[in-house]
Amino acid sequence: MTRYQLHVEVEELEEGGYLAVCQGPQGCHAEGETVAEAVANVEDVARVIIELCVEKGLPLPPALQNQVVPPVFRGELVVKVGG
């Protein structure tokens, strides 16, 4: 199993829900009703894009080439407190 480290940004949508955008594979974004759902959905989208690249013999996006992925997940978290 090959692992890739992707940078994901999540923003709240005015109409409700969240949009997760993954920098790396072009067109890699997904929505969800919660932050967790948006992140899970964008993970699925990223996996499909990467699997298609490998299956079709297409090059991976430059951000994913020659990666050494640490065994620990790292991320940033913004916590909103109050109104």
N, C-alpha and C. Protein backbone atom coordinates (compact mmCIF):
# COMPACT_ATOMS: atom_id res chain seq x y z
N MET A 1 0.84 -1.17 0.00
CA MET A 1 0.00 0.00 0.00
C MET A 1 0.89 1.24 0.00
N THR A 2 0.62 2.15 -0.90
CA THR A 2 1.33 3.41 -0.97
C THR A 2 0.50 4.48 -0.31
N ARG A 3 1.15 5.33 0.47
CA ARG A 3 0.45 6.42 1.14
C ARG A 3 0.94 7.74 0.57
N TYR A 4 0.04 8.70 0.51
CA TYR A 4 0.36 10.05 0.03
C TYR A 4 -0.10 11.06 1.07
N GLN A 5 0.70 12.08 1.26
CA GLN A 5 0.34 13.14 2.18
C GLN A 5 -0.22 14.31 1.37
N LEU A 6 -1.44 14.71 1.68
CA LEU A 6 -2.12 15.76 0.95
C LEU A 6 -2.51 16.89 1.90
N HIS A 7 -2.40 18.11 1.42
CA HIS A 7 -2.82 19.27 2.21
C HIS A 7 -4.28 19.55 1.88
N VAL A 8 -5.10 19.63 2.92
CA VAL A 8 -6.54 19.85 2.74
C VAL A 8 -6.96 21.09 3.52
N GLU A 9 -7.73 21.94 2.87
CA GLU A 9 -8.32 23.10 3.53
C GLU A 9 -9.83 22.94 3.51
N VAL A 10 -10.46 23.26 4.64
CA VAL A 10 -11.92 23.13 4.76
C VAL A 10 -12.49 24.50 5.09
N GLU A 11 -13.53 24.87 4.35
CA GLU A 11 -14.19 26.15 4.63
C GLU A 11 -15.68 25.93 4.78
N GLU A 12 -16.27 26.75 5.62
CA GLU A 12 -17.72 26.69 5.83
C GLU A 12 -18.40 27.40 4.67
N LEU A 13 -19.44 26.79 4.15
CA LEU A 13 -20.20 27.37 3.04
C LEU A 13 -21.35 28.22 3.56
N GLU A 14 -21.63 29.31 2.87
CA GLU A 14 -22.72 30.21 3.28
C GLU A 14 -24.07 29.50 3.31
N GLU A 15 -24.28 28.59 2.36
CA GLU A 15 -25.56 27.89 2.28
C GLU A 15 -25.63 26.70 3.23
N GLY A 16 -24.60 26.50 4.03
CA GLY A 16 -24.55 25.39 4.97
C GLY A 16 -23.62 24.30 4.48
N GLY A 17 -23.07 23.58 5.40
CA GLY A 17 -22.13 22.53 5.06
C GLY A 17 -20.72 23.06 4.92
N TYR A 18 -19.83 22.19 4.44
CA TYR A 18 -18.42 22.51 4.35
C TYR A 18 -17.85 22.04 3.02
N LEU A 19 -16.83 22.75 2.58
CA LEU A 19 -16.12 22.39 1.35
C LEU A 19 -14.69 22.08 1.72
N ALA A 20 -14.23 20.88 1.36
CA ALA A 20 -12.84 20.47 1.57
C ALA A 20 -12.14 20.47 0.22
N VAL A 21 -11.01 21.18 0.15
CA VAL A 21 -10.25 21.28 -1.08
C VAL A 21 -8.86 20.72 -0.82
N CYS A 22 -8.47 19.78 -1.65
CA CYS A 22 -7.18 19.13 -1.52
C CYS A 22 -6.23 19.72 -2.55
N GLN A 23 -5.12 20.22 -2.08
CA GLN A 23 -4.11 20.75 -3.00
C GLN A 23 -3.23 19.58 -3.42
N GLY A 24 -3.10 19.39 -4.67
CA GLY A 24 -2.38 18.25 -5.22
C GLY A 24 -3.07 17.83 -6.49
N PRO A 25 -3.90 16.78 -6.42
CA PRO A 25 -4.62 16.38 -7.62
C PRO A 25 -5.60 17.46 -8.08
N GLN A 26 -5.54 17.82 -9.34
CA GLN A 26 -6.43 18.84 -9.88
C GLN A 26 -7.88 18.37 -9.76
N GLY A 27 -8.75 19.25 -9.34
CA GLY A 27 -10.17 18.93 -9.23
C GLY A 27 -10.53 18.15 -7.99
N CYS A 28 -9.64 18.09 -7.03
CA CYS A 28 -9.87 17.29 -5.83
C CYS A 28 -10.54 18.16 -4.76
N HIS A 29 -11.86 18.06 -4.69
CA HIS A 29 -12.63 18.78 -3.70
C HIS A 29 -13.93 18.03 -3.44
N ALA A 30 -14.52 18.28 -2.27
CA ALA A 30 -15.77 17.60 -1.93
C ALA A 30 -16.48 18.40 -0.84
N GLU A 31 -17.77 18.21 -0.77
CA GLU A 31 -18.59 18.87 0.25
C GLU A 31 -19.08 17.83 1.25
N GLY A 32 -19.50 18.33 2.40
CA GLY A 32 -20.09 17.49 3.42
C GLY A 32 -20.90 18.33 4.37
N GLU A 33 -21.81 17.71 5.11
CA GLU A 33 -22.63 18.45 6.07
C GLU A 33 -21.82 18.85 7.30
N THR A 34 -20.76 18.09 7.60
CA THR A 34 -19.86 18.39 8.71
C THR A 34 -18.43 18.45 8.18
N VAL A 35 -17.53 18.98 9.01
CA VAL A 35 -16.12 19.01 8.62
C VAL A 35 -15.61 17.58 8.39
N ALA A 36 -15.94 16.70 9.31
CA ALA A 36 -15.48 15.30 9.19
C ALA A 36 -16.00 14.65 7.91
N GLU A 37 -17.24 14.91 7.56
CA GLU A 37 -17.81 14.33 6.34
C GLU A 37 -17.13 14.90 5.10
N ALA A 38 -16.86 16.21 5.09
CA ALA A 38 -16.19 16.83 3.95
C ALA A 38 -14.78 16.26 3.78
N VAL A 39 -14.07 16.06 4.89
CA VAL A 39 -12.71 15.51 4.82
C VAL A 39 -12.75 14.06 4.35
N ALA A 40 -13.68 13.28 4.85
CA ALA A 40 -13.81 11.88 4.41
C ALA A 40 -14.15 11.82 2.92
N ASN A 41 -15.02 12.71 2.47
CA ASN A 41 -15.40 12.73 1.06
C ASN A 41 -14.23 13.13 0.17
N VAL A 42 -13.45 14.12 0.58
CA VAL A 42 -12.32 14.54 -0.25
C VAL A 42 -11.23 13.47 -0.24
N GLU A 43 -11.12 12.71 0.83
CA GLU A 43 -10.18 11.58 0.86
C GLU A 43 -10.57 10.55 -0.19
N ASP A 44 -11.86 10.26 -0.29
CA ASP A 44 -12.34 9.32 -1.31
C ASP A 44 -12.05 9.84 -2.72
N VAL A 45 -12.29 11.14 -2.94
CA VAL A 45 -12.03 11.73 -4.26
C VAL A 45 -10.54 11.63 -4.60
N ALA A 46 -9.68 11.97 -3.64
CA ALA A 46 -8.23 11.90 -3.87
C ALA A 46 -7.81 10.47 -4.21
N ARG A 47 -8.35 9.51 -3.48
CA ARG A 47 -8.01 8.10 -3.73
C ARG A 47 -8.39 7.69 -5.15
N VAL A 48 -9.58 8.08 -5.59
CA VAL A 48 -10.04 7.73 -6.94
C VAL A 48 -9.13 8.37 -7.99
N ILE A 49 -8.79 9.65 -7.81
CA ILE A 49 -7.92 10.33 -8.78
C ILE A 49 -6.56 9.64 -8.86
N ILE A 50 -5.97 9.33 -7.71
CA ILE A 50 -4.65 8.68 -7.69
C ILE A 50 -4.74 7.28 -8.31
N GLU A 51 -5.77 6.51 -7.95
CA GLU A 51 -5.92 5.17 -8.51
C GLU A 51 -6.09 5.21 -10.03
N LEU A 52 -6.84 6.19 -10.53
CA LEU A 52 -7.00 6.33 -11.98
C LEU A 52 -5.67 6.66 -12.66
N CYS A 53 -4.89 7.54 -12.05
CA CYS A 53 -3.57 7.88 -12.62
C CYS A 53 -2.70 6.63 -12.71
N VAL A 54 -2.67 5.85 -11.64
CA VAL A 54 -1.85 4.64 -11.62
C VAL A 54 -2.38 3.63 -12.63
N GLU A 55 -3.69 3.42 -12.66
CA GLU A 55 -4.32 2.46 -13.56
C GLU A 55 -4.08 2.81 -15.03
N LYS A 56 -4.17 4.09 -15.36
CA LYS A 56 -4.03 4.53 -16.75
C LYS A 56 -2.58 4.83 -17.13
N GLY A 57 -1.65 4.70 -16.17
CA GLY A 57 -0.25 4.98 -16.47
C GLY A 57 0.04 6.46 -16.63
N LEU A 58 -0.80 7.30 -16.04
CA LEU A 58 -0.61 8.74 -16.11
C LEU A 58 0.30 9.20 -14.97
N PRO A 59 1.02 10.30 -15.19
CA PRO A 59 1.89 10.77 -14.09
C PRO A 59 1.05 11.32 -12.94
N LEU A 60 1.55 11.11 -11.75
CA LEU A 60 0.90 11.69 -10.58
C LEU A 60 1.16 13.19 -10.56
N PRO A 61 0.30 13.95 -9.91
CA PRO A 61 0.55 15.39 -9.78
C PRO A 61 1.92 15.62 -9.13
N PRO A 62 2.62 16.68 -9.52
CA PRO A 62 3.96 16.93 -8.99
C PRO A 62 4.03 16.92 -7.46
N ALA A 63 3.00 17.40 -6.80
CA ALA A 63 3.02 17.43 -5.33
C ALA A 63 3.05 16.03 -4.71
N LEU A 64 2.68 15.01 -5.49
CA LEU A 64 2.64 13.65 -4.96
C LEU A 64 3.84 12.80 -5.37
N GLN A 65 4.65 13.31 -6.27
CA GLN A 65 5.78 12.54 -6.76
C GLN A 65 6.93 12.57 -5.76
N ASN A 66 7.58 11.44 -5.60
CA ASN A 66 8.77 11.30 -4.76
C ASN A 66 8.53 11.71 -3.32
N GLN A 67 7.38 11.41 -2.79
CA GLN A 67 7.07 11.73 -1.40
C GLN A 67 7.62 10.68 -0.46
N VAL A 68 8.06 11.12 0.69
CA VAL A 68 8.36 10.22 1.80
C VAL A 68 7.37 10.60 2.89
N VAL A 69 6.40 9.74 3.12
CA VAL A 69 5.31 10.06 4.04
C VAL A 69 5.67 9.54 5.43
N PRO A 70 5.66 10.44 6.42
CA PRO A 70 5.94 10.00 7.79
C PRO A 70 4.81 9.10 8.30
N PRO A 71 5.10 8.24 9.27
CA PRO A 71 4.07 7.34 9.79
C PRO A 71 3.05 8.03 10.68
N VAL A 72 3.18 9.35 10.86
CA VAL A 72 2.29 10.10 11.74
C VAL A 72 1.48 11.08 10.90
N PHE A 73 0.19 11.19 11.19
CA PHE A 73 -0.65 12.17 10.51
C PHE A 73 -0.47 13.51 11.20
N ARG A 74 -0.24 14.54 10.41
CA ARG A 74 -0.11 15.89 10.96
C ARG A 74 -1.12 16.79 10.27
N GLY A 75 -1.65 17.71 11.01
CA GLY A 75 -2.61 18.63 10.42
C GLY A 75 -2.75 19.87 11.28
N GLU A 76 -3.58 20.74 10.83
CA GLU A 76 -3.88 21.96 11.58
C GLU A 76 -5.35 21.92 11.94
N LEU A 77 -5.68 22.53 13.05
CA LEU A 77 -7.05 22.56 13.51
C LEU A 77 -7.36 23.96 13.98
N VAL A 78 -8.46 24.50 13.48
CA VAL A 78 -8.93 25.80 13.91
C VAL A 78 -10.18 25.56 14.75
N VAL A 79 -10.18 26.06 15.96
CA VAL A 79 -11.31 25.86 16.86
C VAL A 79 -11.98 27.21 17.09
N LYS A 80 -13.26 27.29 16.78
CA LYS A 80 -14.04 28.51 16.98
C LYS A 80 -14.77 28.41 18.31
N VAL A 81 -14.57 29.40 19.16
CA VAL A 81 -15.20 29.39 20.49
C VAL A 81 -16.08 30.63 20.61
N GLY A 82 -17.27 30.46 21.10
CA GLY A 82 -18.17 31.59 21.29
C GLY A 82 -18.95 31.90 20.03
N GLY A 83 -19.71 32.98 20.06
CA GLY A 83 -20.58 33.31 18.96
C GLY A 83 -19.95 34.19 17.99
